Every structure is written in structure tokens, then in C-alpha cells.
N, C-alpha and C. Protein backbone atom coordinates (compact mmCIF):
# COMPACT_ATOMS: atom_id res chain seq x y z
N MET A 1 -41.07 20.30 -125.21
CA MET A 1 -40.68 20.95 -126.41
C MET A 1 -39.95 22.09 -125.73
N LEU A 2 -38.95 22.62 -126.53
CA LEU A 2 -37.93 23.95 -126.51
C LEU A 2 -38.87 25.10 -127.12
N SER A 3 -39.25 25.75 -126.85
CA SER A 3 -39.49 27.19 -127.90
C SER A 3 -38.75 28.29 -127.55
N VAL A 4 -37.82 28.46 -128.70
CA VAL A 4 -36.64 29.45 -129.18
C VAL A 4 -37.46 30.63 -129.53
N VAL A 5 -37.50 31.75 -128.85
CA VAL A 5 -37.84 33.33 -129.08
C VAL A 5 -36.91 34.03 -129.50
N ILE A 6 -37.23 34.53 -130.66
CA ILE A 6 -35.78 35.50 -131.45
C ILE A 6 -36.67 36.81 -131.82
N PRO A 7 -36.61 38.02 -130.89
CA PRO A 7 -37.48 39.21 -131.34
C PRO A 7 -36.10 39.63 -132.78
N THR A 8 -36.60 40.19 -133.63
CA THR A 8 -36.22 41.07 -134.78
C THR A 8 -36.59 42.03 -134.95
N ILE A 9 -36.12 42.89 -135.95
CA ILE A 9 -36.55 44.35 -136.65
C ILE A 9 -36.00 44.53 -137.98
N ASP A 10 -36.49 45.31 -138.91
CA ASP A 10 -36.11 45.36 -140.44
C ASP A 10 -34.57 46.01 -140.48
N GLY A 11 -34.00 45.60 -141.15
CA GLY A 11 -32.69 45.97 -141.55
C GLY A 11 -31.21 44.74 -140.50
N ARG A 12 -32.32 43.75 -139.75
CA ARG A 12 -31.25 42.80 -139.20
C ARG A 12 -31.18 41.72 -139.61
N GLU A 13 -31.82 41.16 -141.07
CA GLU A 13 -32.15 39.99 -141.46
C GLU A 13 -30.64 39.03 -141.46
N GLU A 14 -29.85 39.68 -141.71
CA GLU A 14 -28.55 38.74 -141.95
C GLU A 14 -28.11 38.54 -140.46
N SER A 15 -28.09 38.99 -139.67
CA SER A 15 -28.37 38.58 -138.14
C SER A 15 -29.01 37.58 -137.88
N LEU A 16 -30.37 37.82 -137.70
CA LEU A 16 -31.29 36.70 -137.75
C LEU A 16 -30.84 35.47 -138.36
N ALA A 17 -30.67 35.58 -140.03
CA ALA A 17 -30.45 34.08 -140.53
C ALA A 17 -29.34 33.36 -139.84
N ARG A 18 -27.93 34.11 -139.67
CA ARG A 18 -27.21 33.23 -138.67
C ARG A 18 -27.57 33.11 -137.33
N ALA A 19 -28.17 33.59 -136.56
CA ALA A 19 -28.86 33.37 -135.17
C ALA A 19 -29.99 31.81 -135.70
N ARG A 20 -30.84 32.15 -136.83
CA ARG A 20 -31.53 30.47 -136.60
C ARG A 20 -30.97 29.39 -137.15
N GLU A 21 -29.91 29.87 -137.95
CA GLU A 21 -29.16 28.61 -138.61
C GLU A 21 -28.14 28.09 -137.39
N ALA A 22 -27.60 28.78 -136.42
CA ALA A 22 -26.55 28.62 -135.36
C ALA A 22 -27.60 27.85 -134.64
N TYR A 23 -28.86 27.89 -134.08
CA TYR A 23 -30.04 27.20 -133.41
C TYR A 23 -30.47 25.77 -133.79
N ARG A 24 -30.51 26.06 -135.48
CA ARG A 24 -30.84 24.83 -135.92
C ARG A 24 -29.47 23.83 -136.21
N GLN A 25 -28.39 24.25 -135.58
CA GLN A 25 -27.01 23.43 -135.94
C GLN A 25 -26.65 23.00 -134.63
N THR A 26 -26.85 23.98 -133.43
CA THR A 26 -26.95 23.35 -132.04
C THR A 26 -27.86 22.95 -130.91
N GLY A 27 -29.21 23.05 -131.43
CA GLY A 27 -29.97 23.04 -130.56
C GLY A 27 -30.99 21.60 -130.40
N PRO A 28 -31.42 21.55 -129.45
CA PRO A 28 -32.02 19.86 -129.18
C PRO A 28 -32.90 19.68 -130.42
N ILE A 29 -33.20 18.61 -130.33
CA ILE A 29 -34.28 17.85 -131.30
C ILE A 29 -35.41 18.45 -131.34
N GLU A 30 -35.95 18.49 -130.12
CA GLU A 30 -37.50 19.25 -130.36
C GLU A 30 -37.44 20.51 -129.58
N MET A 31 -37.39 21.38 -130.75
CA MET A 31 -37.75 22.85 -130.70
C MET A 31 -37.98 23.36 -131.73
N GLU A 32 -38.75 24.37 -131.36
CA GLU A 32 -39.57 25.63 -132.26
C GLU A 32 -38.67 26.79 -132.32
N ILE A 33 -38.82 27.41 -133.59
CA ILE A 33 -38.08 28.61 -133.36
C ILE A 33 -39.08 29.72 -134.01
N ILE A 34 -39.31 30.65 -132.73
CA ILE A 34 -40.49 31.84 -133.09
C ILE A 34 -39.50 33.15 -133.30
N VAL A 35 -39.93 33.58 -134.41
CA VAL A 35 -39.47 34.92 -134.71
C VAL A 35 -40.21 36.13 -134.46
N ILE A 36 -40.22 37.02 -133.64
CA ILE A 36 -41.00 38.46 -133.53
C ILE A 36 -40.67 39.60 -134.03
N GLU A 37 -41.40 40.04 -135.15
CA GLU A 37 -40.72 41.01 -135.91
C GLU A 37 -41.73 42.51 -135.62
N ASN A 38 -40.33 43.39 -135.17
CA ASN A 38 -40.86 44.73 -135.39
C ASN A 38 -41.78 45.33 -134.23
N LEU A 39 -41.78 44.73 -132.87
CA LEU A 39 -42.24 45.15 -131.94
C LEU A 39 -41.63 46.11 -131.33
N ALA A 40 -42.11 47.07 -130.27
CA ALA A 40 -41.13 48.02 -129.68
C ALA A 40 -39.92 47.61 -129.03
N ASN A 41 -39.86 46.75 -128.63
CA ASN A 41 -38.72 46.51 -128.06
C ASN A 41 -38.60 44.96 -127.13
N TRP A 42 -37.42 44.33 -127.10
CA TRP A 42 -37.24 43.14 -126.59
C TRP A 42 -38.13 42.42 -125.76
N PRO A 43 -38.56 43.02 -124.83
CA PRO A 43 -39.52 42.48 -123.79
C PRO A 43 -41.10 42.52 -124.31
N ALA A 44 -41.24 43.46 -125.10
CA ALA A 44 -42.61 43.33 -125.59
C ALA A 44 -42.67 41.99 -126.88
N ALA A 45 -41.58 41.80 -127.54
CA ALA A 45 -41.36 40.68 -128.37
C ALA A 45 -41.54 39.40 -127.51
N CYS A 46 -40.43 39.60 -126.20
CA CYS A 46 -40.57 38.02 -125.62
C CYS A 46 -41.94 37.72 -125.05
N ASN A 47 -42.38 39.11 -124.44
CA ASN A 47 -44.13 38.62 -123.91
C ASN A 47 -44.87 37.87 -125.30
N GLU A 48 -44.52 38.14 -126.37
CA GLU A 48 -45.41 38.20 -127.49
C GLU A 48 -44.95 36.65 -128.20
N GLY A 49 -43.75 36.37 -127.66
CA GLY A 49 -43.54 35.08 -128.04
C GLY A 49 -43.87 33.73 -127.27
N TYR A 50 -43.80 34.39 -125.98
CA TYR A 50 -44.65 33.37 -124.78
C TYR A 50 -46.15 33.13 -125.20
N ARG A 51 -46.85 34.23 -126.01
CA ARG A 51 -48.03 33.57 -126.22
C ARG A 51 -48.17 32.64 -127.20
N ARG A 52 -46.90 32.78 -127.83
CA ARG A 52 -46.91 31.98 -129.56
C ARG A 52 -46.78 30.69 -129.23
N ALA A 53 -45.58 30.54 -127.89
CA ALA A 53 -44.87 29.11 -127.96
C ALA A 53 -45.70 28.15 -127.60
N VAL A 54 -45.43 27.14 -127.97
CA VAL A 54 -45.90 25.72 -127.82
C VAL A 54 -45.35 24.87 -126.57
N GLY A 55 -44.10 25.28 -126.40
CA GLY A 55 -43.08 24.48 -125.85
C GLY A 55 -43.46 24.45 -124.20
N ASP A 56 -42.86 23.70 -123.21
CA ASP A 56 -43.35 23.85 -121.93
C ASP A 56 -41.76 24.54 -121.55
N ARG A 57 -41.09 24.77 -122.29
CA ARG A 57 -39.58 25.46 -121.63
C ARG A 57 -39.66 26.26 -122.97
N LEU A 58 -38.97 27.61 -122.48
CA LEU A 58 -38.74 28.69 -123.34
C LEU A 58 -37.57 29.42 -123.21
N HIS A 59 -36.97 29.86 -124.01
CA HIS A 59 -35.82 30.26 -124.21
C HIS A 59 -35.84 32.01 -124.74
N PHE A 60 -35.56 32.84 -124.55
CA PHE A 60 -35.77 34.09 -124.83
C PHE A 60 -34.20 34.67 -125.37
N SER A 61 -34.30 34.57 -126.69
CA SER A 61 -32.68 35.08 -127.33
C SER A 61 -32.86 36.34 -128.23
N ALA A 62 -31.91 36.67 -128.75
CA ALA A 62 -32.09 38.00 -129.96
C ALA A 62 -31.12 37.62 -131.42
N ASP A 63 -31.55 38.35 -132.44
CA ASP A 63 -31.32 38.11 -133.56
C ASP A 63 -29.56 38.33 -133.50
N ASP A 64 -29.08 38.88 -132.66
CA ASP A 64 -27.64 38.86 -133.07
C ASP A 64 -26.79 38.00 -131.67
N LEU A 65 -27.45 37.06 -131.47
CA LEU A 65 -26.81 36.01 -130.49
C LEU A 65 -26.70 34.64 -131.14
N GLU A 66 -25.39 34.38 -130.87
CA GLU A 66 -25.10 33.10 -131.39
C GLU A 66 -25.12 31.64 -130.45
N PRO A 67 -25.59 30.79 -130.41
CA PRO A 67 -25.44 29.70 -129.38
C PRO A 67 -24.31 29.09 -129.93
N LEU A 68 -23.61 28.56 -128.64
CA LEU A 68 -22.33 27.72 -128.76
C LEU A 68 -22.90 26.68 -128.69
N GLU A 69 -22.03 25.26 -129.34
CA GLU A 69 -22.48 23.81 -129.36
C GLU A 69 -22.58 23.77 -127.55
N GLY A 70 -23.34 22.84 -127.60
CA GLY A 70 -23.40 22.45 -126.10
C GLY A 70 -24.65 23.44 -125.27
N TRP A 71 -24.83 24.27 -125.71
CA TRP A 71 -25.38 25.62 -124.86
C TRP A 71 -26.58 25.10 -124.04
N TRP A 72 -27.48 23.90 -124.82
CA TRP A 72 -28.70 23.62 -123.91
C TRP A 72 -28.39 22.43 -122.66
N LYS A 73 -27.10 21.90 -122.95
CA LYS A 73 -27.12 19.97 -122.54
C LYS A 73 -26.98 20.17 -121.05
N GLU A 74 -26.79 20.97 -120.35
CA GLU A 74 -26.25 21.14 -118.89
C GLU A 74 -27.55 22.21 -118.38
N ALA A 75 -27.93 23.23 -119.05
CA ALA A 75 -29.02 23.97 -118.90
C ALA A 75 -30.44 23.80 -118.74
N LEU A 76 -30.73 22.72 -119.61
CA LEU A 76 -32.32 22.34 -119.84
C LEU A 76 -32.41 20.99 -118.80
N PRO A 77 -31.58 19.89 -118.79
CA PRO A 77 -32.16 19.15 -117.32
C PRO A 77 -31.96 19.80 -115.96
N TRP A 78 -31.34 20.85 -116.00
CA TRP A 78 -31.24 21.81 -114.89
C TRP A 78 -32.39 22.15 -114.39
N LEU A 79 -32.80 23.22 -115.67
CA LEU A 79 -34.18 23.54 -115.58
C LEU A 79 -35.35 22.84 -114.93
N ASP A 80 -35.49 21.13 -115.66
CA ASP A 80 -36.29 20.42 -115.45
C ASP A 80 -36.07 19.85 -113.83
N GLU A 81 -35.10 19.97 -113.12
CA GLU A 81 -35.07 19.05 -111.86
C GLU A 81 -34.85 20.54 -110.62
N HIS A 82 -34.86 21.99 -111.04
CA HIS A 82 -34.39 23.12 -110.05
C HIS A 82 -35.31 23.81 -110.29
N ASP A 83 -35.87 24.56 -109.40
CA ASP A 83 -36.73 25.80 -109.71
C ASP A 83 -35.57 27.01 -109.60
N GLU A 84 -35.03 27.08 -110.59
CA GLU A 84 -34.09 28.24 -111.17
C GLU A 84 -33.87 28.53 -112.77
N LEU A 85 -33.33 29.70 -112.73
CA LEU A 85 -33.02 30.34 -114.00
C LEU A 85 -31.47 30.39 -114.29
N PRO A 86 -31.43 29.66 -115.39
CA PRO A 86 -29.60 29.22 -115.89
C PRO A 86 -29.45 30.58 -116.52
N ALA A 87 -28.07 30.91 -116.11
CA ALA A 87 -27.59 32.35 -116.47
C ALA A 87 -26.37 31.97 -117.62
N PRO A 88 -26.21 32.57 -118.65
CA PRO A 88 -25.21 32.05 -119.95
C PRO A 88 -23.78 33.09 -119.51
N LYS A 89 -22.81 32.30 -120.15
CA LYS A 89 -21.74 33.04 -120.37
C LYS A 89 -21.74 33.65 -121.63
N VAL A 90 -21.59 35.02 -121.72
CA VAL A 90 -21.49 35.90 -123.13
C VAL A 90 -20.39 35.96 -123.68
N PHE A 91 -19.75 35.79 -124.94
CA PHE A 91 -18.57 35.95 -125.48
C PHE A 91 -18.83 37.32 -126.54
N ASN A 92 -18.12 38.47 -126.67
CA ASN A 92 -17.97 39.38 -127.46
C ASN A 92 -17.75 39.24 -128.87
N HIS A 93 -18.20 39.03 -129.76
CA HIS A 93 -17.91 39.14 -131.36
C HIS A 93 -17.40 37.58 -131.79
N SER A 94 -16.69 36.98 -130.75
CA SER A 94 -16.70 35.55 -131.16
C SER A 94 -16.34 34.79 -129.96
N PRO A 95 -16.49 33.29 -130.21
CA PRO A 95 -16.36 32.53 -129.22
C PRO A 95 -14.68 32.88 -128.43
N ASP A 96 -14.19 33.36 -129.31
CA ASP A 96 -12.30 33.69 -128.81
C ASP A 96 -12.51 35.00 -128.42
N GLY A 97 -13.63 35.71 -128.13
CA GLY A 97 -13.61 37.09 -128.05
C GLY A 97 -13.41 37.51 -126.49
N GLU A 98 -13.55 38.58 -126.08
CA GLU A 98 -13.52 38.96 -124.74
C GLU A 98 -15.11 38.08 -123.60
N TRP A 99 -14.76 37.95 -122.59
CA TRP A 99 -15.87 37.57 -121.72
C TRP A 99 -16.84 38.43 -121.13
N ASP A 100 -17.84 38.93 -122.16
CA ASP A 100 -18.25 40.22 -121.74
C ASP A 100 -19.07 39.99 -120.17
N ASN A 101 -19.72 38.99 -119.62
CA ASN A 101 -20.00 38.85 -118.35
C ASN A 101 -19.33 38.27 -117.33
N ALA A 102 -18.17 38.56 -117.03
CA ALA A 102 -17.21 37.54 -116.14
C ALA A 102 -17.46 38.18 -115.01
N VAL A 103 -17.96 39.51 -114.50
CA VAL A 103 -18.61 39.77 -113.33
C VAL A 103 -19.53 38.69 -112.75
N ASP A 104 -20.01 38.16 -113.49
CA ASP A 104 -21.35 37.51 -113.10
C ASP A 104 -20.49 35.66 -112.34
N GLY A 105 -19.46 35.82 -112.55
CA GLY A 105 -18.62 34.63 -111.82
C GLY A 105 -18.52 33.62 -112.47
N PRO A 106 -18.31 32.51 -111.52
CA PRO A 106 -17.62 30.82 -111.79
C PRO A 106 -18.94 30.07 -112.20
N ASP A 107 -18.50 29.06 -112.78
CA ASP A 107 -19.66 28.27 -112.66
C ASP A 107 -20.62 27.78 -111.72
N GLY A 108 -21.68 27.98 -111.65
CA GLY A 108 -22.59 27.36 -110.40
C GLY A 108 -22.58 28.57 -109.55
N ALA A 109 -22.13 29.84 -109.78
CA ALA A 109 -22.18 31.27 -109.12
C ALA A 109 -23.79 31.66 -109.19
N ILE A 110 -24.21 32.49 -108.26
CA ILE A 110 -25.24 32.91 -108.40
C ILE A 110 -25.41 34.75 -108.87
N PRO A 111 -25.59 34.97 -109.94
CA PRO A 111 -25.23 36.16 -110.72
C PRO A 111 -26.49 36.96 -110.16
N HIS A 112 -26.20 38.16 -110.27
CA HIS A 112 -27.80 39.06 -110.33
C HIS A 112 -28.73 38.92 -111.06
N PHE A 113 -28.51 38.81 -112.49
CA PHE A 113 -29.39 38.22 -113.48
C PHE A 113 -29.39 37.59 -114.54
N THR A 114 -30.08 36.88 -115.18
CA THR A 114 -29.90 35.96 -116.32
C THR A 114 -29.91 36.96 -117.65
N ARG A 115 -29.05 37.03 -118.38
CA ARG A 115 -28.85 37.88 -119.59
C ARG A 115 -29.50 37.15 -121.16
N ILE A 116 -29.79 35.68 -120.87
CA ILE A 116 -30.33 35.38 -122.02
C ILE A 116 -31.07 34.45 -121.29
N PRO A 117 -32.47 34.93 -120.88
CA PRO A 117 -33.39 33.79 -120.01
C PRO A 117 -33.79 32.80 -120.65
N LEU A 118 -33.82 31.62 -119.93
CA LEU A 118 -34.63 30.13 -120.22
C LEU A 118 -35.24 29.78 -118.82
N MET A 119 -36.65 29.59 -119.29
CA MET A 119 -37.31 29.10 -118.16
C MET A 119 -38.25 28.10 -118.62
N THR A 120 -38.91 27.79 -117.78
CA THR A 120 -40.25 26.67 -117.71
C THR A 120 -41.52 27.72 -117.98
N ARG A 121 -42.79 27.20 -118.59
CA ARG A 121 -43.37 28.02 -119.27
C ARG A 121 -44.24 28.17 -117.83
N GLU A 122 -44.32 27.35 -116.32
CA GLU A 122 -44.72 27.75 -115.49
C GLU A 122 -43.77 28.80 -114.66
N GLN A 123 -42.88 28.86 -114.67
CA GLN A 123 -42.10 29.84 -114.15
C GLN A 123 -42.25 31.23 -114.82
N TYR A 124 -42.61 31.33 -116.08
CA TYR A 124 -42.62 32.52 -116.85
C TYR A 124 -44.33 33.03 -116.37
N GLU A 125 -44.99 32.09 -116.25
CA GLU A 125 -46.61 32.11 -115.62
C GLU A 125 -46.53 33.06 -113.95
N ARG A 126 -45.55 32.35 -113.68
CA ARG A 126 -45.28 32.61 -111.80
C ARG A 126 -45.12 33.88 -112.02
N ILE A 127 -43.86 34.20 -112.69
CA ILE A 127 -43.37 35.33 -112.37
C ILE A 127 -43.94 36.47 -113.12
N GLY A 128 -44.92 36.65 -114.26
CA GLY A 128 -45.68 37.20 -114.79
C GLY A 128 -45.04 37.87 -116.04
N PRO A 129 -45.97 38.93 -116.89
CA PRO A 129 -45.50 39.09 -118.11
C PRO A 129 -43.77 40.18 -117.84
N TRP A 130 -43.05 40.70 -118.90
CA TRP A 130 -41.88 41.51 -118.36
C TRP A 130 -42.30 43.20 -119.02
N PRO A 131 -41.95 43.79 -117.85
CA PRO A 131 -42.04 45.19 -118.29
C PRO A 131 -41.67 45.37 -119.81
N GLU A 132 -42.48 46.18 -120.43
CA GLU A 132 -42.05 46.33 -121.31
C GLU A 132 -41.39 47.75 -121.54
N ILE A 133 -40.41 47.90 -121.52
CA ILE A 133 -39.04 48.85 -120.92
C ILE A 133 -37.93 48.89 -122.17
N PRO A 134 -37.23 49.80 -122.60
CA PRO A 134 -36.28 49.45 -123.30
C PRO A 134 -35.25 48.55 -123.00
N TYR A 135 -34.83 48.87 -121.52
CA TYR A 135 -33.86 48.00 -121.07
C TYR A 135 -34.05 47.47 -119.76
N ALA A 136 -33.39 46.60 -119.08
CA ALA A 136 -33.28 46.03 -117.75
C ALA A 136 -34.60 45.24 -117.24
N SER A 137 -35.49 44.79 -118.52
CA SER A 137 -36.26 43.65 -118.06
C SER A 137 -36.00 42.62 -117.62
N ASP A 138 -34.72 42.15 -118.24
CA ASP A 138 -34.02 40.90 -117.65
C ASP A 138 -33.39 41.18 -116.26
N VAL A 139 -33.24 42.06 -115.77
CA VAL A 139 -32.91 42.54 -114.36
C VAL A 139 -34.20 42.21 -113.53
N TRP A 140 -35.17 43.02 -113.84
CA TRP A 140 -36.38 42.50 -113.48
C TRP A 140 -36.90 41.12 -112.89
N LEU A 141 -36.70 40.73 -114.43
CA LEU A 141 -36.90 39.01 -114.41
C LEU A 141 -36.15 38.28 -113.48
N SER A 142 -34.99 38.25 -113.10
CA SER A 142 -34.41 37.30 -112.01
C SER A 142 -34.64 37.99 -110.53
N GLU A 143 -34.72 39.42 -110.61
CA GLU A 143 -35.18 39.76 -109.40
C GLU A 143 -36.75 39.55 -109.18
N ARG A 144 -37.41 39.69 -109.73
CA ARG A 144 -38.70 39.23 -109.69
C ARG A 144 -38.96 37.64 -109.24
N GLY A 145 -38.25 36.83 -110.45
CA GLY A 145 -38.23 35.20 -109.65
C GLY A 145 -37.43 35.08 -108.63
N ARG A 146 -36.46 36.04 -107.75
CA ARG A 146 -36.03 35.64 -106.51
C ARG A 146 -36.96 36.12 -105.34
N THR A 147 -38.29 36.84 -105.89
CA THR A 147 -39.03 37.40 -104.58
C THR A 147 -40.20 35.87 -104.61
N LEU A 148 -39.69 35.13 -105.41
CA LEU A 148 -40.94 33.85 -105.90
C LEU A 148 -40.19 32.38 -105.43
N GLY A 149 -38.99 32.76 -105.15
CA GLY A 149 -38.12 31.97 -104.55
C GLY A 149 -37.48 31.23 -106.05
N ILE A 150 -37.22 31.71 -107.01
CA ILE A 150 -36.71 31.22 -108.02
C ILE A 150 -35.22 31.91 -108.07
N GLU A 151 -34.28 31.21 -107.76
CA GLU A 151 -32.76 31.87 -107.95
C GLU A 151 -32.24 31.89 -109.63
N THR A 152 -31.51 32.52 -109.63
CA THR A 152 -30.73 32.73 -110.97
C THR A 152 -29.28 31.80 -110.68
N ARG A 153 -28.69 31.34 -111.70
CA ARG A 153 -27.31 30.26 -111.67
C ARG A 153 -26.74 30.42 -112.44
N MET A 154 -25.54 30.58 -112.45
CA MET A 154 -24.27 30.71 -114.07
C MET A 154 -24.21 29.28 -114.21
N PHE A 155 -24.20 28.88 -115.84
CA PHE A 155 -23.93 27.65 -116.56
C PHE A 155 -23.00 28.28 -117.26
N HIS A 156 -21.94 27.98 -117.41
CA HIS A 156 -20.71 28.44 -118.06
C HIS A 156 -20.72 27.49 -119.33
N SER A 157 -21.11 26.32 -119.34
CA SER A 157 -21.77 25.90 -120.88
C SER A 157 -23.00 26.03 -121.57
N TYR A 158 -23.96 27.08 -121.03
CA TYR A 158 -24.66 27.56 -121.31
C TYR A 158 -24.41 29.12 -121.87
N ALA A 159 -23.33 28.81 -123.09
CA ALA A 159 -22.67 29.78 -123.41
C ALA A 159 -23.07 30.65 -125.06
N PHE A 160 -22.78 31.48 -125.11
CA PHE A 160 -23.49 32.59 -126.55
C PHE A 160 -22.49 33.43 -127.31
N VAL A 161 -22.61 33.69 -128.39
CA VAL A 161 -21.60 34.85 -128.89
C VAL A 161 -22.79 36.14 -129.03
N HIS A 162 -22.23 37.24 -128.50
CA HIS A 162 -22.88 38.27 -128.60
C HIS A 162 -22.48 39.29 -129.77
N HIS A 163 -22.88 39.34 -131.14
CA HIS A 163 -22.00 39.85 -132.23
C HIS A 163 -22.62 41.78 -131.90
N TRP A 164 -23.32 41.80 -130.92
CA TRP A 164 -23.75 43.46 -131.03
C TRP A 164 -23.94 44.02 -132.21
N ASN A 165 -25.21 43.67 -132.82
CA ASN A 165 -25.79 44.31 -134.39
C ASN A 165 -26.21 45.74 -133.91
N GLN A 166 -25.65 46.36 -134.39
CA GLN A 166 -26.07 48.00 -134.27
C GLN A 166 -27.21 48.64 -134.72
N VAL A 167 -28.02 48.16 -135.86
CA VAL A 167 -29.01 48.59 -136.58
C VAL A 167 -30.26 48.16 -135.37
N GLY A 168 -30.90 50.01 -135.20
CA GLY A 168 -32.02 49.96 -134.47
C GLY A 168 -31.52 49.73 -132.92
N ARG A 169 -30.48 49.66 -132.62
CA ARG A 169 -29.97 49.77 -131.12
C ARG A 169 -30.53 51.27 -130.49
N ILE A 170 -31.43 50.97 -129.50
CA ILE A 170 -32.28 51.79 -128.60
C ILE A 170 -31.27 52.46 -127.29
N ASP A 171 -30.31 52.24 -127.19
CA ASP A 171 -29.23 52.41 -125.96
C ASP A 171 -28.90 53.70 -125.69
N SER A 172 -30.29 54.98 -125.74
CA SER A 172 -29.62 56.07 -125.52
C SER A 172 -29.93 56.47 -124.00
N GLN A 173 -29.10 57.36 -123.76
CA GLN A 173 -28.91 57.63 -121.99
C GLN A 173 -30.53 57.49 -121.41
N GLU A 174 -31.40 58.43 -122.33
CA GLU A 174 -32.67 58.69 -122.22
C GLU A 174 -33.65 57.43 -121.68
N ASN A 175 -33.47 56.38 -122.86
CA ASN A 175 -33.99 55.16 -122.51
C ASN A 175 -33.15 54.29 -121.26
N ILE A 176 -31.84 54.43 -121.20
CA ILE A 176 -31.78 53.74 -120.27
C ILE A 176 -31.92 54.49 -119.02
N ALA A 177 -32.41 55.62 -118.57
CA ALA A 177 -32.68 56.58 -117.31
C ALA A 177 -34.56 56.13 -117.20
N TYR A 178 -34.79 55.94 -118.45
CA TYR A 178 -36.50 55.48 -117.99
C TYR A 178 -36.37 54.08 -117.56
N SER A 179 -35.72 53.12 -118.33
CA SER A 179 -35.97 51.97 -117.63
C SER A 179 -35.31 51.42 -116.41
N ASP A 180 -34.22 52.56 -115.99
CA ASP A 180 -33.76 52.39 -114.34
C ASP A 180 -35.18 53.03 -113.35
N HIS A 181 -35.52 54.07 -113.88
CA HIS A 181 -36.48 54.76 -113.15
C HIS A 181 -38.03 53.40 -113.06
N VAL A 182 -37.94 52.80 -113.99
CA VAL A 182 -39.53 51.91 -113.90
C VAL A 182 -38.98 50.63 -113.19
N LEU A 183 -37.69 50.39 -113.36
CA LEU A 183 -37.09 49.25 -112.39
C LEU A 183 -37.05 49.65 -110.97
N ASN A 184 -36.55 50.88 -110.77
CA ASN A 184 -36.33 51.51 -109.34
C ASN A 184 -37.92 51.42 -108.60
N GLU A 185 -38.59 51.79 -109.28
CA GLU A 185 -40.02 51.91 -109.00
C GLU A 185 -40.77 50.64 -108.34
N ALA A 186 -40.48 49.38 -109.34
CA ALA A 186 -41.08 48.18 -109.00
C ALA A 186 -40.15 47.84 -107.79
N ARG A 187 -38.99 48.42 -107.98
CA ARG A 187 -38.48 47.56 -106.56
C ARG A 187 -38.70 48.22 -105.53
N ARG A 188 -39.43 49.59 -105.10
CA ARG A 188 -40.04 50.00 -104.14
C ARG A 188 -41.02 49.30 -103.81
N ALA A 189 -41.87 48.86 -105.00
CA ALA A 189 -43.33 48.40 -104.76
C ALA A 189 -43.25 46.60 -104.37
N GLY A 190 -41.97 46.31 -104.38
CA GLY A 190 -41.56 45.09 -103.89
C GLY A 190 -41.88 44.19 -105.24
N LEU A 191 -41.10 44.75 -106.45
CA LEU A 191 -41.11 43.90 -107.42
C LEU A 191 -42.63 42.96 -107.80
N PRO A 192 -43.55 43.76 -107.87
CA PRO A 192 -44.84 42.95 -108.15
C PRO A 192 -44.76 42.56 -109.84
N ALA A 193 -45.74 41.42 -110.23
CA ALA A 193 -45.73 41.59 -111.95
C ALA A 193 -46.42 43.11 -112.47
N LEU A 194 -45.68 43.47 -113.57
CA LEU A 194 -46.01 44.72 -113.86
C LEU A 194 -46.92 44.74 -115.16
């Protein structure tokens, strides 16, 4: 089974409804959707989602992400056969929008990190709980995975639209600087589980 974890906060009910419906329409048959509400930040909600999930494969999403048709069809079988983390192709605002992460490269490339994590339960347990910081926990995830031999690989069919809901966004300079500081300290310590 695939467990889809969707963190959300009050005021984003419309985004959450759109995300849930998109997963219902495009997801695999054996899938549970776990909504985690009003925790301090996205990684805290993802860690809680892991604790609640029953699936052996875990997908950590967001309430303003819309999965596109076929998003799981190549990434899930690859995940089952390879010790790697799929990285998505992300469009801004619509499937015809700008490709937000073109810097991550062509299909099959090794990007720096996965922006929408998909992993096995065993990979999550090897990597450990994510640092509960406002930003960069997804960067830590891929970097920490790499120290354990878990590479990150681009899958253009693993595709999503990011609708950029602004309610409750915490991307202040202070939060970004703090997150960068925590990530850099973890790097200096060899990226241990935090």
C-alpha cells in the first residue's frame, strides 16, 4: 500500500480538497490519504504522517500540490527495485505553467534533492526522522540518504503542479537563515539523523 501524507493548516481547506481529489483521481488503487493538520511545519507533519501510516511506501506531499496523471506509474516500480528516491518534475500553477525545477535536469538525472519525497518505509527508517525546521528538510533528506547509499533520481513522469497557496507561508528571511544554519551544522557533523 502507498500512504500519501498531506500536511495542512487552517485556512487552506480549498487547496486541501483539490489535492485530495486529485490523488483520488490519479493515484494507485491501494492508497491511503493521511491528512496532518496544524503542526509547526511541514517536516513535523511528515514525521507524524510516518507514525500514522500503514503503507510500506510513503509519499510526502502538501495541500497545494496537484499530482498529474500517471505520477506514480514509473516511480513506484523503480522504488521497489532500486534503493533510490524519485525526484519530481514540478510545474508552477498549471500543467502548462513554467517548469519550476528545470535545474534538476533531464529524466534520469541525479538532482541535488527530491522536492516531493517518495520512499519505502525501510528507507525512511534508515534515514531517520526529518529535522523539524521551516525549510530545507527535503534537502537534508536527500543528502542524508546519499550518505547511506540512497541516491536521488529524476523522473519526469513523477509530475505535479505547485499551486503556491500563500496562506500561512513562513518563508521569511529569518526562517530560511535558521534552516540553512541547521542544515550546515548537520553537514559539518556528517549529516547524522537529527
